[in-house]
C-alpha atoms as a PDB file:
ATOM      1  CA  MET A   1     -10.072 252.059  39.290  1.00  0.00           C
ATOM      2  CA  ARG A   2     -10.932 248.358  39.561  1.00  0.00           C
ATOM      3  CA  TYR A   3      -7.351 247.502  38.652  1.00  0.00           C
ATOM      4  CA  ARG A   4      -5.976 249.610  41.505  1.00  0.00           C
ATOM      5  CA  ALA A   5      -8.364 248.075  44.037  1.00  0.00           C
ATOM      6  CA  ALA A   6      -7.444 244.568  42.899  1.00  0.00           C
ATOM      7  CA  LEU A   7      -3.739 245.392  43.016  1.00  0.00           C
ATOM      8  CA  ARG A   8      -4.091 246.863  46.508  1.00  0.00           C
ATOM      9  CA  ARG A   9      -5.945 243.723  47.691  1.00  0.00           C
ATOM     10  CA  LEU A  10      -3.317 241.458  46.160  1.00  0.00           C
ATOM     11  CA  THR A  11      -0.508 243.462  47.751  1.00  0.00           C
ATOM     12  CA  LEU A  12      -2.140 243.115  51.163  1.00  0.00           C
ATOM     13  CA  LEU A  13      -2.729 239.392  50.683  1.00  0.00           C
ATOM     14  CA  VAL A  14       0.962 238.890  49.908  1.00  0.00           C
ATOM     15  CA  LEU A  15       2.388 241.451  52.315  1.00  0.00           C
ATOM     16  CA  ILE A  16       0.515 240.459  55.490  1.00  0.00           C
ATOM     17  CA  PRO A  17       1.670 236.806  55.535  1.00  0.00           C
ATOM     18  CA  VAL A  18       5.256 237.848  54.773  1.00  0.00           C
ATOM     19  CA  LEU A  19       5.267 240.377  57.608  1.00  0.00           C
ATOM     20  CA  LEU A  20       3.757 237.861  60.020  1.00  0.00           C
ATOM     21  CA  TYR A  21       6.381 235.298  59.078  1.00  0.00           C
ATOM     22  CA  LYS A  22       9.217 237.820  59.463  1.00  0.00           C
ATOM     23  CA  ALA A  23       7.905 238.866  62.879  1.00  0.00           C
ATOM     24  CA  ALA A  24       7.742 235.240  63.965  1.00  0.00           C
ATOM     25  CA  MET A  25      11.309 234.537  62.884  1.00  0.00           C
ATOM     26  CA  ALA A  26      12.622 237.685  64.590  1.00  0.00           C
ATOM     27  CA  TRP A  27      11.953 236.144  68.004  1.00  0.00           C
ATOM     28  CA  LYS A  28      14.900 233.795  68.428  1.00  0.00           C
ATOM     29  CA  SER A  29      14.397 233.164  72.138  1.00  0.00           C
ATOM     30  CA  ILE A  30      12.931 229.824  73.179  1.00  0.00           C
ATOM     31  CA  ARG A  31      10.572 231.850  75.359  1.00  0.00           C
ATOM     32  CA  PHE A  32       8.841 233.136  72.211  1.00  0.00           C
ATOM     33  CA  ALA A  33       8.783 229.803  70.368  1.00  0.00           C
ATOM     34  CA  HIS A  34       5.013 229.472  70.733  1.00  0.00           C
ATOM     35  CA  TRP A  35       4.581 232.927  69.169  1.00  0.00           C
ATOM     36  CA  ARG A  36       6.702 231.858  66.200  1.00  0.00           C
ATOM     37  CA  ILE A  37       4.512 228.815  65.686  1.00  0.00           C
ATOM     38  CA  TRP A  38       1.262 230.797  65.914  1.00  0.00           C
ATOM     39  CA  LEU A  39       2.447 233.609  63.640  1.00  0.00           C
ATOM     40  CA  THR A  40       3.785 231.161  61.066  1.00  0.00           C
ATOM     41  CA  ALA A  41       0.478 229.261  61.164  1.00  0.00           C
ATOM     42  CA  ALA A  42      -1.452 232.530  60.765  1.00  0.00           C
ATOM     43  CA  ALA A  43       0.680 233.543  57.774  1.00  0.00           C
ATOM     44  CA  THR A  44       0.131 230.160  56.157  1.00  0.00           C
ATOM     45  CA  LEU A  45      -3.611 230.248  56.823  1.00  0.00           C
ATOM     46  CA  ILE A  46      -3.983 233.731  55.331  1.00  0.00           C
ATOM     47  CA  SER A  47      -2.059 232.679  52.214  1.00  0.00           C
ATOM     48  CA  LEU A  48      -4.095 229.501  51.742  1.00  0.00           C
ATOM     49  CA  THR A  49      -7.392 231.259  52.366  1.00  0.00           C
ATOM     50  CA  ALA A  50      -6.575 233.902  49.782  1.00  0.00           C
ATOM     51  CA  ALA A  51      -5.527 231.281  47.235  1.00  0.00           C
ATOM     52  CA  ALA A  52      -8.533 229.014  47.850  1.00  0.00           C
ATOM     53  CA  ARG A  53     -11.216 231.700  47.750  1.00  0.00           C
ATOM     54  CA  PRO A  54     -14.207 230.390  45.756  1.00  0.00           C
ATOM     55  CA  ALA A  55     -15.115 232.186  42.571  1.00  0.00           C
ATOM     56  CA  THR A  56     -17.907 234.700  43.001  1.00  0.00           C
ATOM     57  CA  ALA A  57     -19.591 237.071  40.711  1.00  0.00           C
ATOM     58  CA  GLY A  58     -17.931 240.379  41.254  1.00  0.00           C
ATOM     59  CA  THR A  59     -17.255 243.361  39.095  1.00  0.00           C
ATOM     60  CA  ALA A  60     -15.817 241.063  36.425  1.00  0.00           C
ATOM     61  CA  VAL A  61     -19.362 240.107  35.401  1.00  0.00           C
ATOM     62  CA  THR A  62     -21.383 242.289  33.060  1.00  0.00           C
ATOM     63  CA  CYS A  63     -25.099 242.055  32.352  1.00  0.00           C
ATOM     64  CA  ALA A  64     -26.752 243.415  29.227  1.00  0.00           C
ATOM     65  CA  TYR A  65     -30.555 243.794  29.450  1.00  0.00           C
ATOM     66  CA  THR A  66     -32.105 244.092  25.984  1.00  0.00           C
ATOM     67  CA  VAL A  67     -35.741 244.518  24.974  1.00  0.00           C
ATOM     68  CA  THR A  68     -35.810 242.482  21.756  1.00  0.00           C
ATOM     69  CA  THR A  69     -39.399 243.184  20.725  1.00  0.00           C
ATOM     70  CA  SER A  70     -42.259 245.228  22.120  1.00  0.00           C
ATOM     71  CA  TRP A  71     -45.926 245.694  21.374  1.00  0.00           C
ATOM     72  CA  SER A  72     -48.834 247.481  23.008  1.00  0.00           C
ATOM     73  CA  GLY A  73     -48.995 245.974  26.497  1.00  0.00           C
ATOM     74  CA  GLY A  74     -46.031 243.604  26.283  1.00  0.00           C
ATOM     75  CA  PHE A  75     -42.456 242.843  25.348  1.00  0.00           C
ATOM     76  CA  THR A  76     -39.780 240.196  24.966  1.00  0.00           C
ATOM     77  CA  ALA A  77     -36.420 240.698  26.686  1.00  0.00           C
ATOM     78  CA  ASN A  78     -33.054 238.998  27.123  1.00  0.00           C
ATOM     79  CA  VAL A  79     -30.240 239.375  29.636  1.00  0.00           C
ATOM     80  CA  ASP A  80     -26.751 238.364  28.539  1.00  0.00           C
ATOM     81  CA  VAL A  81     -24.453 237.579  31.487  1.00  0.00           C
ATOM     82  CA  THR A  82     -20.784 237.759  30.479  1.00  0.00           C
ATOM     83  CA  ASN A  83     -18.136 236.445  32.844  1.00  0.00           C
ATOM     84  CA  ASN A  84     -14.761 238.158  32.485  1.00  0.00           C
ATOM     85  CA  GLY A  85     -13.463 236.897  35.837  1.00  0.00           C
ATOM     86  CA  PRO A  86     -13.020 233.519  37.512  1.00  0.00           C
ATOM     87  CA  ALA A  87     -15.475 230.733  36.700  1.00  0.00           C
ATOM     88  CA  ILE A  88     -18.925 230.983  38.299  1.00  0.00           C
ATOM     89  CA  ASN A  89     -20.692 227.840  39.424  1.00  0.00           C
ATOM     90  CA  GLY A  90     -24.304 228.631  40.209  1.00  0.00           C
ATOM     91  CA  TRP A  91     -25.843 232.074  39.768  1.00  0.00           C
ATOM     92  CA  THR A  92     -28.853 234.148  40.736  1.00  0.00           C
ATOM     93  CA  LEU A  93     -29.733 237.243  38.741  1.00  0.00           C
ATOM     94  CA  GLN A  94     -32.027 239.883  40.281  1.00  0.00           C
ATOM     95  CA  TRP A  95     -33.566 243.120  39.061  1.00  0.00           C
ATOM     96  CA  THR A  96     -36.574 245.360  39.626  1.00  0.00           C
ATOM     97  CA  PHE A  97     -39.114 246.040  36.900  1.00  0.00           C
ATOM     98  CA  LEU A  98     -39.977 249.748  36.840  1.00  0.00           C
ATOM     99  CA  THR A  99     -43.678 249.039  36.256  1.00  0.00           C
ATOM    100  CA  PRO A 100     -45.858 246.074  37.279  1.00  0.00           C
ATOM    101  CA  THR A 101     -44.978 243.177  34.983  1.00  0.00           C
ATOM    102  CA  SER A 102     -46.540 239.771  34.467  1.00  0.00           C
ATOM    103  CA  LEU A 103     -44.156 237.160  33.049  1.00  0.00           C
ATOM    104  CA  GLY A 104     -45.239 234.833  30.266  1.00  0.00           C
ATOM    105  CA  ALA A 105     -42.835 232.358  28.701  1.00  0.00           C
ATOM    106  CA  VAL A 106     -39.352 232.086  30.207  1.00  0.00           C
ATOM    107  CA  TRP A 107     -36.297 230.370  28.740  1.00  0.00           C
ATOM    108  CA  SER A 108     -32.845 229.369  30.011  1.00  0.00           C
ATOM    109  CA  ALA A 109     -33.640 230.196  33.670  1.00  0.00           C
ATOM    110  CA  ALA A 110     -36.281 229.814  36.347  1.00  0.00           C
ATOM    111  CA  ILE A 111     -37.693 233.277  37.043  1.00  0.00           C
ATOM    112  CA  THR A 112     -39.877 234.199  40.009  1.00  0.00           C
ATOM    113  CA  GLU A 113     -41.581 237.505  40.709  1.00  0.00           C
ATOM    114  CA  GLN A 114     -42.477 239.161  43.978  1.00  0.00           C
ATOM    115  CA  GLY A 115     -44.039 242.539  43.385  1.00  0.00           C
ATOM    116  CA  ASN A 116     -41.772 244.276  40.870  1.00  0.00           C
ATOM    117  CA  GLN A 117     -38.702 242.273  42.003  1.00  0.00           C
ATOM    118  CA  ALA A 118     -37.631 239.467  39.631  1.00  0.00           C
ATOM    119  CA  THR A 119     -35.198 236.690  40.483  1.00  0.00           C
ATOM    120  CA  ALA A 120     -33.728 234.358  37.855  1.00  0.00           C
ATOM    121  CA  THR A 121     -31.807 231.243  38.849  1.00  0.00           C
ATOM    122  CA  ASN A 122     -29.741 229.022  36.621  1.00  0.00           C
ATOM    123  CA  MET A 123     -30.916 225.768  35.115  1.00  0.00           C
ATOM    124  CA  SER A 124     -28.861 222.634  35.739  1.00  0.00           C
ATOM    125  CA  TRP A 125     -27.299 222.808  32.275  1.00  0.00           C
ATOM    126  CA  ASN A 126     -26.211 226.482  32.444  1.00  0.00           C
ATOM    127  CA  SER A 127     -25.170 226.815  36.091  1.00  0.00           C
ATOM    128  CA  ALA A 128     -21.474 227.163  35.232  1.00  0.00           C
ATOM    129  CA  ILE A 129     -20.231 230.255  33.421  1.00  0.00           C
ATOM    130  CA  PRO A 130     -16.530 229.760  32.625  1.00  0.00           C
ATOM    131  CA  ALA A 131     -14.227 232.754  32.345  1.00  0.00           C
ATOM    132  CA  GLY A 132     -14.718 234.535  29.032  1.00  0.00           C
ATOM    133  CA  PHE A 133     -18.142 232.988  28.331  1.00  0.00           C
ATOM    134  CA  THR A 134     -21.671 234.386  28.163  1.00  0.00           C
ATOM    135  CA  THR A 135     -24.988 232.834  29.088  1.00  0.00           C
ATOM    136  CA  SER A 136     -28.332 234.313  28.035  1.00  0.00           C
ATOM    137  CA  ILE A 137     -31.801 234.155  29.511  1.00  0.00           C
ATOM    138  CA  GLY A 138     -35.034 235.564  28.189  1.00  0.00           C
ATOM    139  CA  TRP A 139     -38.768 235.966  28.691  1.00  0.00           C
ATOM    140  CA  SER A 140     -41.933 237.479  27.361  1.00  0.00           C
ATOM    141  CA  ALA A 141     -44.114 239.619  29.597  1.00  0.00           C
ATOM    142  CA  ARG A 142     -47.167 241.832  29.808  1.00  0.00           C
ATOM    143  CA  ALA A 143     -46.435 245.357  31.040  1.00  0.00           C
ATOM    144  CA  ALA A 144     -47.400 248.965  30.407  1.00  0.00           C
ATOM    145  CA  SER A 145     -43.764 249.956  29.960  1.00  0.00           C
ATOM    146  CA  THR A 146     -40.622 248.376  28.530  1.00  0.00           C
ATOM    147  CA  ALA A 147     -38.264 250.540  30.617  1.00  0.00           C
ATOM    148  CA  VAL A 148     -34.882 248.864  31.131  1.00  0.00           C
ATOM    149  CA  PRO A 149     -34.002 248.134  34.784  1.00  0.00           C
ATOM    150  CA  THR A 150     -30.741 249.618  36.065  1.00  0.00           C
ATOM    151  CA  ASP A 151     -30.307 247.559  39.253  1.00  0.00           C
ATOM    152  CA  LEU A 152     -29.229 244.156  37.868  1.00  0.00           C
ATOM    153  CA  THR A 153     -27.198 242.046  40.291  1.00  0.00           C
ATOM    154  CA  ILE A 154     -25.689 238.592  39.962  1.00  0.00           C
ATOM    155  CA  ASN A 155     -25.055 236.650  43.165  1.00  0.00           C
ATOM    156  CA  GLY A 156     -25.689 239.905  45.028  1.00  0.00           C
ATOM    157  CA  GLN A 157     -23.049 241.910  43.127  1.00  0.00           C
ATOM    158  CA  PRO A 158     -23.985 244.727  40.722  1.00  0.00           C
ATOM    159  CA  CYS A 159     -23.311 243.921  37.103  1.00  0.00           C
END
């Protein structure tokens, strides 16, 4: 399904500029010269914008939340973020703990909590995730439950 959506988007990004250019060239009259210029400029701008789009975390990023150890009243967990798409430069990972949780030690990210909502941001040394690479973060926490969150997002996109 993702493949079809990506193919459809790519087709539109190629087809629209071509159609705009063809429409501009169809008007041979000097009276429509300004339209030719504007349509050609629009076609060029659309092509360049599509080619220069910055890399974002989309569906090509997967997140694996794993409880590595647990004990009565606490646990240790990791999240592995795997980038299968274009390179990511700077990331924010968010999720909601299912029960009230108090973080202890944290590694490989800066994690803040507001209520049950947790937000992890990259450190300076792991802000870039090249295509095909994985970065991992982890923490220990006190909580009544070790239930695995299902609403992980990276840069606002579900993963």
